[in-house]
Amino acid sequence: MLAKTVLVCAGGPPEEIPDLIEYINDETVFIGADRGALHLLNQSIIPHEAVGDFDSVSEEELRIINIAVNQMSAYQAEKDETDTELAIKQAITYEPDEIILTGVSAGRFDHMQSALHLMYRMQSMHGRIRFRIINRFNELSFLFPGVHRIKKKVQFPYISFFPFGEDVTNLTLTGFKYETVNALMKNGATMFTSNEPIAEVCTISFRKGICLMVRSSDS
């Protein structure tokens, strides 16, 4: 089975997970990573798969997941990969256009950092697939050198850009409230925080480096 979108829900606090009803269609596959399978069921979404060691659910909760989900992939707790990474690797087998990850950006900060670096690594390895992390108030993605068209989204009126691990060179922003041409965004810089798109389609381009783009609401 191939899919246009695979949405992976991890086991972070449920209050950070947005309403996922907009993603329910025939071209979207849902994968629950450990407790994330329960989060999906609580939104009346039956995961196509559940992946993980399931050490964060009770016996009764695991029974509920087993009854609801047809395809279960259970692993030992002692393993090299996190449950989220196992779920992302499974998501890639569907050869989707995009993989969306949620349930990773609240709660334990080490889990969030793990997910962020996992997404960077997977985006580097699988350039054809678009990877995003979403929660109720933010959307995160990585950009690599080139020209990127950014569509304006009403729910995310603010866009921030951060260098990830190295300088970003020849940065040009057009269609934003604060535009720039051939700027240097040094590693550790924060001056490109909370920009605002004013055109329906904005562009960001740069020649070298890796850019973390964060789209945010003000809620």
C-alpha atoms as a PDB file:
ATOM      1  CA  MET A   1       0.000   0.000   0.000  1.00  0.00           C
ATOM      2  CA  LEU A   2       1.296   3.424  -0.957  1.00  0.00           C
ATOM      3  CA  ALA A   3       0.142   6.674   0.656  1.00  0.00           C
ATOM      4  CA  LYS A   4       0.335  10.387  -0.054  1.00  0.00           C
ATOM      5  CA  THR A   5       0.709  11.221   3.649  1.00  0.00           C
ATOM      6  CA  VAL A   6       1.737   9.180   6.665  1.00  0.00           C
ATOM      7  CA  LEU A   7       0.950  10.690  10.045  1.00  0.00           C
ATOM      8  CA  VAL A   8       2.917   9.280  12.965  1.00  0.00           C
ATOM      9  CA  CYS A   9       1.546  10.008  16.419  1.00  0.00           C
ATOM     10  CA  ALA A  10       3.994   9.528  19.281  1.00  0.00           C
ATOM     11  CA  GLY A  11       3.172   9.181  22.959  1.00  0.00           C
ATOM     12  CA  GLY A  12       3.681  12.733  24.215  1.00  0.00           C
ATOM     13  CA  PRO A  13       1.093  14.601  26.300  1.00  0.00           C
ATOM     14  CA  PRO A  14      -2.273  14.516  24.474  1.00  0.00           C
ATOM     15  CA  GLU A  15      -2.895  18.234  25.046  1.00  0.00           C
ATOM     16  CA  GLU A  16      -0.179  19.096  22.526  1.00  0.00           C
ATOM     17  CA  ILE A  17      -1.678  16.984  19.735  1.00  0.00           C
ATOM     18  CA  PRO A  18      -3.908  18.960  17.356  1.00  0.00           C
ATOM     19  CA  ASP A  19      -7.274  17.842  16.065  1.00  0.00           C
ATOM     20  CA  LEU A  20      -6.278  15.380  13.352  1.00  0.00           C
ATOM     21  CA  ILE A  21      -9.660  15.140  11.648  1.00  0.00           C
ATOM     22  CA  GLU A  22      -8.450  17.236   8.702  1.00  0.00           C
ATOM     23  CA  TYR A  23      -5.980  14.494   7.809  1.00  0.00           C
ATOM     24  CA  ILE A  24      -8.556  11.717   7.595  1.00  0.00           C
ATOM     25  CA  ASN A  25      -8.866  10.674   3.960  1.00  0.00           C
ATOM     26  CA  ASP A  26      -8.154   7.708   1.714  1.00  0.00           C
ATOM     27  CA  GLU A  27      -4.590   8.901   1.015  1.00  0.00           C
ATOM     28  CA  THR A  28      -3.421   9.177   4.639  1.00  0.00           C
ATOM     29  CA  VAL A  29      -1.990   6.346   6.729  1.00  0.00           C
ATOM     30  CA  PHE A  30      -1.904   6.682  10.530  1.00  0.00           C
ATOM     31  CA  ILE A  31       0.785   5.005  12.628  1.00  0.00           C
ATOM     32  CA  GLY A  32       0.765   5.047  16.411  1.00  0.00           C
ATOM     33  CA  ALA A  33       4.142   4.947  18.143  1.00  0.00           C
ATOM     34  CA  ASP A  34       3.673   3.275  21.519  1.00  0.00           C
ATOM     35  CA  ARG A  35       1.133   5.358  23.518  1.00  0.00           C
ATOM     36  CA  GLY A  36       0.512   7.403  20.374  1.00  0.00           C
ATOM     37  CA  ALA A  37      -1.796   4.603  19.206  1.00  0.00           C
ATOM     38  CA  LEU A  38      -4.085   5.414  22.154  1.00  0.00           C
ATOM     39  CA  HIS A  39      -3.975   9.125  21.313  1.00  0.00           C
ATOM     40  CA  LEU A  40      -5.224   8.302  17.813  1.00  0.00           C
ATOM     41  CA  LEU A  41      -7.972   6.031  19.149  1.00  0.00           C
ATOM     42  CA  ASN A  42      -9.043   8.814  21.511  1.00  0.00           C
ATOM     43  CA  GLN A  43      -9.593  10.992  18.437  1.00  0.00           C
ATOM     44  CA  SER A  44     -11.689   8.180  16.890  1.00  0.00           C
ATOM     45  CA  ILE A  45      -8.892   7.344  14.441  1.00  0.00           C
ATOM     46  CA  ILE A  46      -7.997   3.677  14.071  1.00  0.00           C
ATOM     47  CA  PRO A  47      -4.272   3.447  13.306  1.00  0.00           C
ATOM     48  CA  HIS A  48      -3.249   1.377  10.312  1.00  0.00           C
ATOM     49  CA  GLU A  49      -0.292   0.237  12.428  1.00  0.00           C
ATOM     50  CA  ALA A  50       0.968   0.434  15.999  1.00  0.00           C
ATOM     51  CA  VAL A  51       4.723   0.263  16.611  1.00  0.00           C
ATOM     52  CA  GLY A  52       6.867   0.201  19.752  1.00  0.00           C
ATOM     53  CA  ASP A  53       7.729  -1.591  22.957  1.00  0.00           C
ATOM     54  CA  PHE A  54       4.481  -0.379  24.580  1.00  0.00           C
ATOM     55  CA  ASP A  55       6.143   0.086  27.941  1.00  0.00           C
ATOM     56  CA  SER A  56       4.202   3.317  28.509  1.00  0.00           C
ATOM     57  CA  VAL A  57       0.749   1.717  28.413  1.00  0.00           C
ATOM     58  CA  SER A  58      -1.027  -0.463  30.953  1.00  0.00           C
ATOM     59  CA  GLU A  59      -2.063  -4.040  30.241  1.00  0.00           C
ATOM     60  CA  GLU A  60      -5.649  -2.881  29.735  1.00  0.00           C
ATOM     61  CA  GLU A  61      -4.580  -0.102  27.356  1.00  0.00           C
ATOM     62  CA  LEU A  62      -2.435  -2.565  25.398  1.00  0.00           C
ATOM     63  CA  ARG A  63      -5.441  -4.869  25.139  1.00  0.00           C
ATOM     64  CA  ILE A  64      -7.489  -2.000  23.704  1.00  0.00           C
ATOM     65  CA  ILE A  65      -4.785  -1.274  21.124  1.00  0.00           C
ATOM     66  CA  ASN A  66      -4.505  -4.942  20.177  1.00  0.00           C
ATOM     67  CA  ILE A  67      -8.258  -5.211  19.621  1.00  0.00           C
ATOM     68  CA  ALA A  68      -8.476  -2.027  17.520  1.00  0.00           C
ATOM     69  CA  VAL A  69      -5.313  -2.209  15.406  1.00  0.00           C
ATOM     70  CA  ASN A  70      -4.823  -4.934  12.824  1.00  0.00           C
ATOM     71  CA  GLN A  71      -1.063  -4.572  12.380  1.00  0.00           C
ATOM     72  CA  MET A  72       1.030  -4.539  15.545  1.00  0.00           C
ATOM     73  CA  SER A  73       4.840  -4.444  15.619  1.00  0.00           C
ATOM     74  CA  ALA A  74       6.033  -5.040  19.180  1.00  0.00           C
ATOM     75  CA  TYR A  75       9.697  -4.668  20.184  1.00  0.00           C
ATOM     76  CA  GLN A  76      11.760  -5.320  23.290  1.00  0.00           C
ATOM     77  CA  ALA A  77      12.264  -2.297  25.532  1.00  0.00           C
ATOM     78  CA  GLU A  78      16.045  -2.684  25.231  1.00  0.00           C
ATOM     79  CA  LYS A  79      16.712  -1.527  21.665  1.00  0.00           C
ATOM     80  CA  ASP A  80      18.825   1.011  19.792  1.00  0.00           C
ATOM     81  CA  GLU A  81      15.954   2.921  18.178  1.00  0.00           C
ATOM     82  CA  THR A  82      13.256   4.929  19.921  1.00  0.00           C
ATOM     83  CA  ASP A  83       9.642   3.968  19.299  1.00  0.00           C
ATOM     84  CA  THR A  84       9.283   7.138  17.232  1.00  0.00           C
ATOM     85  CA  GLU A  85      12.209   6.204  15.003  1.00  0.00           C
ATOM     86  CA  LEU A  86      10.791   2.725  14.438  1.00  0.00           C
ATOM     87  CA  ALA A  87       7.468   4.289  13.448  1.00  0.00           C
ATOM     88  CA  ILE A  88       9.126   6.783  11.089  1.00  0.00           C
ATOM     89  CA  LYS A  89      11.092   3.982   9.406  1.00  0.00           C
ATOM     90  CA  GLN A  90       7.842   2.097   8.920  1.00  0.00           C
ATOM     91  CA  ALA A  91       6.216   5.249   7.539  1.00  0.00           C
ATOM     92  CA  ILE A  92       8.932   5.515   4.881  1.00  0.00           C
ATOM     93  CA  THR A  93       7.994   2.075   3.507  1.00  0.00           C
ATOM     94  CA  TYR A  94       4.709   3.573   2.273  1.00  0.00           C
ATOM     95  CA  GLU A  95       6.728   5.825  -0.088  1.00  0.00           C
ATOM     96  CA  PRO A  96       4.649   8.900   0.804  1.00  0.00           C
ATOM     97  CA  ASP A  97       4.997  12.487  -0.353  1.00  0.00           C
ATOM     98  CA  GLU A  98       5.106  13.640   3.262  1.00  0.00           C
ATOM     99  CA  ILE A  99       5.478  12.308   6.780  1.00  0.00           C
ATOM    100  CA  ILE A 100       3.924  14.279   9.631  1.00  0.00           C
ATOM    101  CA  LEU A 101       5.015  13.663  13.209  1.00  0.00           C
ATOM    102  CA  THR A 102       3.050  14.750  16.256  1.00  0.00           C
ATOM    103  CA  GLY A 103       3.119  13.971  19.957  1.00  0.00           C
ATOM    104  CA  VAL A 104       6.814  14.790  20.384  1.00  0.00           C
ATOM    105  CA  SER A 105       7.083  18.483  21.233  1.00  0.00           C
ATOM    106  CA  ALA A 106       5.896  18.655  24.843  1.00  0.00           C
ATOM    107  CA  GLY A 107       6.666  16.752  27.995  1.00  0.00           C
ATOM    108  CA  ARG A 108      10.229  15.427  28.179  1.00  0.00           C
ATOM    109  CA  PHE A 109      12.673  17.782  26.484  1.00  0.00           C
ATOM    110  CA  ASP A 110      15.076  14.954  25.642  1.00  0.00           C
ATOM    111  CA  HIS A 111      12.327  13.248  23.652  1.00  0.00           C
ATOM    112  CA  MET A 112      11.685  16.454  21.719  1.00  0.00           C
ATOM    113  CA  GLN A 113      15.379  16.857  20.919  1.00  0.00           C
ATOM    114  CA  SER A 114      15.547  13.241  19.837  1.00  0.00           C
ATOM    115  CA  ALA A 115      12.593  13.749  17.497  1.00  0.00           C
ATOM    116  CA  LEU A 116      14.040  16.957  16.059  1.00  0.00           C
ATOM    117  CA  HIS A 117      17.389  15.338  15.268  1.00  0.00           C
ATOM    118  CA  LEU A 118      15.626  12.267  13.919  1.00  0.00           C
ATOM    119  CA  MET A 119      13.618  14.440  11.542  1.00  0.00           C
ATOM    120  CA  TYR A 120      16.774  16.232  10.398  1.00  0.00           C
ATOM    121  CA  ARG A 121      18.507  12.917   9.706  1.00  0.00           C
ATOM    122  CA  MET A 122      15.538  11.455   7.872  1.00  0.00           C
ATOM    123  CA  GLN A 123      15.022  14.617   5.816  1.00  0.00           C
ATOM    124  CA  SER A 124      18.702  14.483   4.840  1.00  0.00           C
ATOM    125  CA  MET A 125      18.421  10.843   3.781  1.00  0.00           C
ATOM    126  CA  HIS A 126      15.042  11.048   2.048  1.00  0.00           C
ATOM    127  CA  GLY A 127      14.925  14.327   0.181  1.00  0.00           C
ATOM    128  CA  ARG A 128      11.892  13.323  -1.877  1.00  0.00           C
ATOM    129  CA  ILE A 129       9.731  13.102   1.258  1.00  0.00           C
ATOM    130  CA  ARG A 130       8.682  16.224   3.136  1.00  0.00           C
ATOM    131  CA  PHE A 131       8.945  15.809   6.920  1.00  0.00           C
ATOM    132  CA  ARG A 132       7.065  17.991   9.409  1.00  0.00           C
ATOM    133  CA  ILE A 133       6.551  18.094  13.168  1.00  0.00           C
ATOM    134  CA  ILE A 134       3.225  19.575  14.246  1.00  0.00           C
ATOM    135  CA  ASN A 135       1.459  20.411  17.494  1.00  0.00           C
ATOM    136  CA  ARG A 136      -1.472  22.647  18.375  1.00  0.00           C
ATOM    137  CA  PHE A 137       0.512  25.857  17.935  1.00  0.00           C
ATOM    138  CA  ASN A 138       3.539  25.121  15.747  1.00  0.00           C
ATOM    139  CA  GLU A 139       4.829  23.432  12.620  1.00  0.00           C
ATOM    140  CA  LEU A 140       8.540  22.604  12.238  1.00  0.00           C
ATOM    141  CA  SER A 141      10.440  21.569   9.135  1.00  0.00           C
ATOM    142  CA  PHE A 142      13.967  21.609   7.736  1.00  0.00           C
ATOM    143  CA  LEU A 143      15.031  23.445   4.597  1.00  0.00           C
ATOM    144  CA  PHE A 144      18.133  22.675   2.573  1.00  0.00           C
ATOM    145  CA  PRO A 145      19.989  24.925   0.089  1.00  0.00           C
ATOM    146  CA  GLY A 146      17.894  26.148  -2.815  1.00  0.00           C
ATOM    147  CA  VAL A 147      14.732  28.177  -3.388  1.00  0.00           C
ATOM    148  CA  HIS A 148      11.623  27.359  -1.342  1.00  0.00           C
ATOM    149  CA  ARG A 149       8.113  28.718  -1.887  1.00  0.00           C
ATOM    150  CA  ILE A 150       6.265  29.200   1.398  1.00  0.00           C
ATOM    151  CA  LYS A 151       2.481  29.504   1.235  1.00  0.00           C
ATOM    152  CA  LYS A 152       0.808  31.801   3.726  1.00  0.00           C
ATOM    153  CA  LYS A 153      -1.234  29.971   6.393  1.00  0.00           C
ATOM    154  CA  VAL A 154      -3.807  31.836   8.443  1.00  0.00           C
ATOM    155  CA  GLN A 155      -3.351  29.540  11.451  1.00  0.00           C
ATOM    156  CA  PHE A 156       0.404  30.223  11.518  1.00  0.00           C
ATOM    157  CA  PRO A 157       0.927  33.992  11.119  1.00  0.00           C
ATOM    158  CA  TYR A 158       4.545  33.904  12.337  1.00  0.00           C
ATOM    159  CA  ILE A 159       7.541  32.236  10.723  1.00  0.00           C
ATOM    160  CA  SER A 160      10.988  31.955  12.287  1.00  0.00           C
ATOM    161  CA  PHE A 161      14.198  30.727  10.719  1.00  0.00           C
ATOM    162  CA  PHE A 162      17.131  29.266  12.635  1.00  0.00           C
ATOM    163  CA  PRO A 163      20.468  27.897  11.424  1.00  0.00           C
ATOM    164  CA  PHE A 164      20.807  24.255  12.403  1.00  0.00           C
ATOM    165  CA  GLY A 165      24.361  23.303  13.258  1.00  0.00           C
ATOM    166  CA  GLU A 166      26.134  25.586  10.784  1.00  0.00           C
ATOM    167  CA  ASP A 167      25.956  29.037   9.175  1.00  0.00           C
ATOM    168  CA  VAL A 168      23.363  29.694   6.488  1.00  0.00           C
ATOM    169  CA  THR A 169      24.802  31.806   3.661  1.00  0.00           C
ATOM    170  CA  ASN A 170      23.275  34.053   1.012  1.00  0.00           C
ATOM    171  CA  LEU A 171      19.906  34.060   2.749  1.00  0.00           C
ATOM    172  CA  THR A 172      17.214  35.918   0.818  1.00  0.00           C
ATOM    173  CA  LEU A 173      13.642  36.388   2.049  1.00  0.00           C
ATOM    174  CA  THR A 174      10.920  37.873  -0.164  1.00  0.00           C
ATOM    175  CA  GLY A 175       7.228  38.405   0.544  1.00  0.00           C
ATOM    176  CA  PHE A 176       7.826  38.741   4.284  1.00  0.00           C
ATOM    177  CA  LYS A 177       7.355  41.752   6.546  1.00  0.00           C
ATOM    178  CA  TYR A 178      11.101  41.751   7.100  1.00  0.00           C
ATOM    179  CA  GLU A 179      12.926  40.964   3.874  1.00  0.00           C
ATOM    180  CA  THR A 180      16.631  40.418   3.381  1.00  0.00           C
ATOM    181  CA  VAL A 181      19.013  39.798   0.503  1.00  0.00           C
ATOM    182  CA  ASN A 182      22.156  37.646   0.600  1.00  0.00           C
ATOM    183  CA  ALA A 183      22.355  37.761   4.393  1.00  0.00           C
ATOM    184  CA  LEU A 184      24.545  35.598   6.581  1.00  0.00           C
ATOM    185  CA  MET A 185      22.647  33.733   9.298  1.00  0.00           C
ATOM    186  CA  LYS A 186      25.375  32.676  11.683  1.00  0.00           C
ATOM    187  CA  ASN A 187      25.035  29.518  13.720  1.00  0.00           C
ATOM    188  CA  GLY A 188      23.290  30.459  16.983  1.00  0.00           C
ATOM    189  CA  ALA A 189      21.602  33.547  15.488  1.00  0.00           C
ATOM    190  CA  THR A 190      18.129  34.548  16.693  1.00  0.00           C
ATOM    191  CA  MET A 191      17.522  37.690  14.632  1.00  0.00           C
ATOM    192  CA  PHE A 192      15.238  35.888  12.164  1.00  0.00           C
ATOM    193  CA  THR A 193      12.647  35.049  14.819  1.00  0.00           C
ATOM    194  CA  SER A 194       8.933  35.932  14.400  1.00  0.00           C
ATOM    195  CA  ASN A 195       8.857  37.189  10.840  1.00  0.00           C
ATOM    196  CA  GLU A 196       5.470  37.521   9.159  1.00  0.00           C
ATOM    197  CA  PRO A 197       4.426  36.552   5.628  1.00  0.00           C
ATOM    198  CA  ILE A 198       2.584  39.353   3.847  1.00  0.00           C
ATOM    199  CA  ALA A 199       2.357  37.782   0.379  1.00  0.00           C
ATOM    200  CA  GLU A 200       0.246  34.711  -0.342  1.00  0.00           C
ATOM    201  CA  VAL A 201       3.405  32.945  -1.480  1.00  0.00           C
ATOM    202  CA  CYS A 202       6.766  33.937   0.016  1.00  0.00           C
ATOM    203  CA  THR A 203      10.213  32.669  -0.883  1.00  0.00           C
ATOM    204  CA  ILE A 204      13.295  31.776   1.085  1.00  0.00           C
ATOM    205  CA  SER A 205      16.524  30.906  -0.655  1.00  0.00           C
ATOM    206  CA  PHE A 206      20.060  30.254   0.524  1.00  0.00           C
ATOM    207  CA  ARG A 207      23.222  28.751  -0.881  1.00  0.00           C
ATOM    208  CA  LYS A 208      24.713  26.787   2.012  1.00  0.00           C
ATOM    209  CA  GLY A 209      23.674  25.435   5.406  1.00  0.00           C
ATOM    210  CA  ILE A 210      20.565  23.947   6.988  1.00  0.00           C
ATOM    211  CA  CYS A 211      17.588  26.034   8.066  1.00  0.00           C
ATOM    212  CA  LEU A 212      15.024  25.079  10.687  1.00  0.00           C
ATOM    213  CA  MET A 213      11.713  26.763   9.862  1.00  0.00           C
ATOM    214  CA  VAL A 214       9.168  27.186  12.674  1.00  0.00           C
ATOM    215  CA  ARG A 215       5.667  28.361  11.848  1.00  0.00           C
ATOM    216  CA  SER A 216       3.677  29.489  14.894  1.00  0.00           C
ATOM    217  CA  SER A 217       0.336  30.778  16.057  1.00  0.00           C
ATOM    218  CA  ASP A 218      -0.032  33.306  18.857  1.00  0.00           C
ATOM    219  CA  SER A 219      -2.534  31.245  20.860  1.00  0.00           C
END
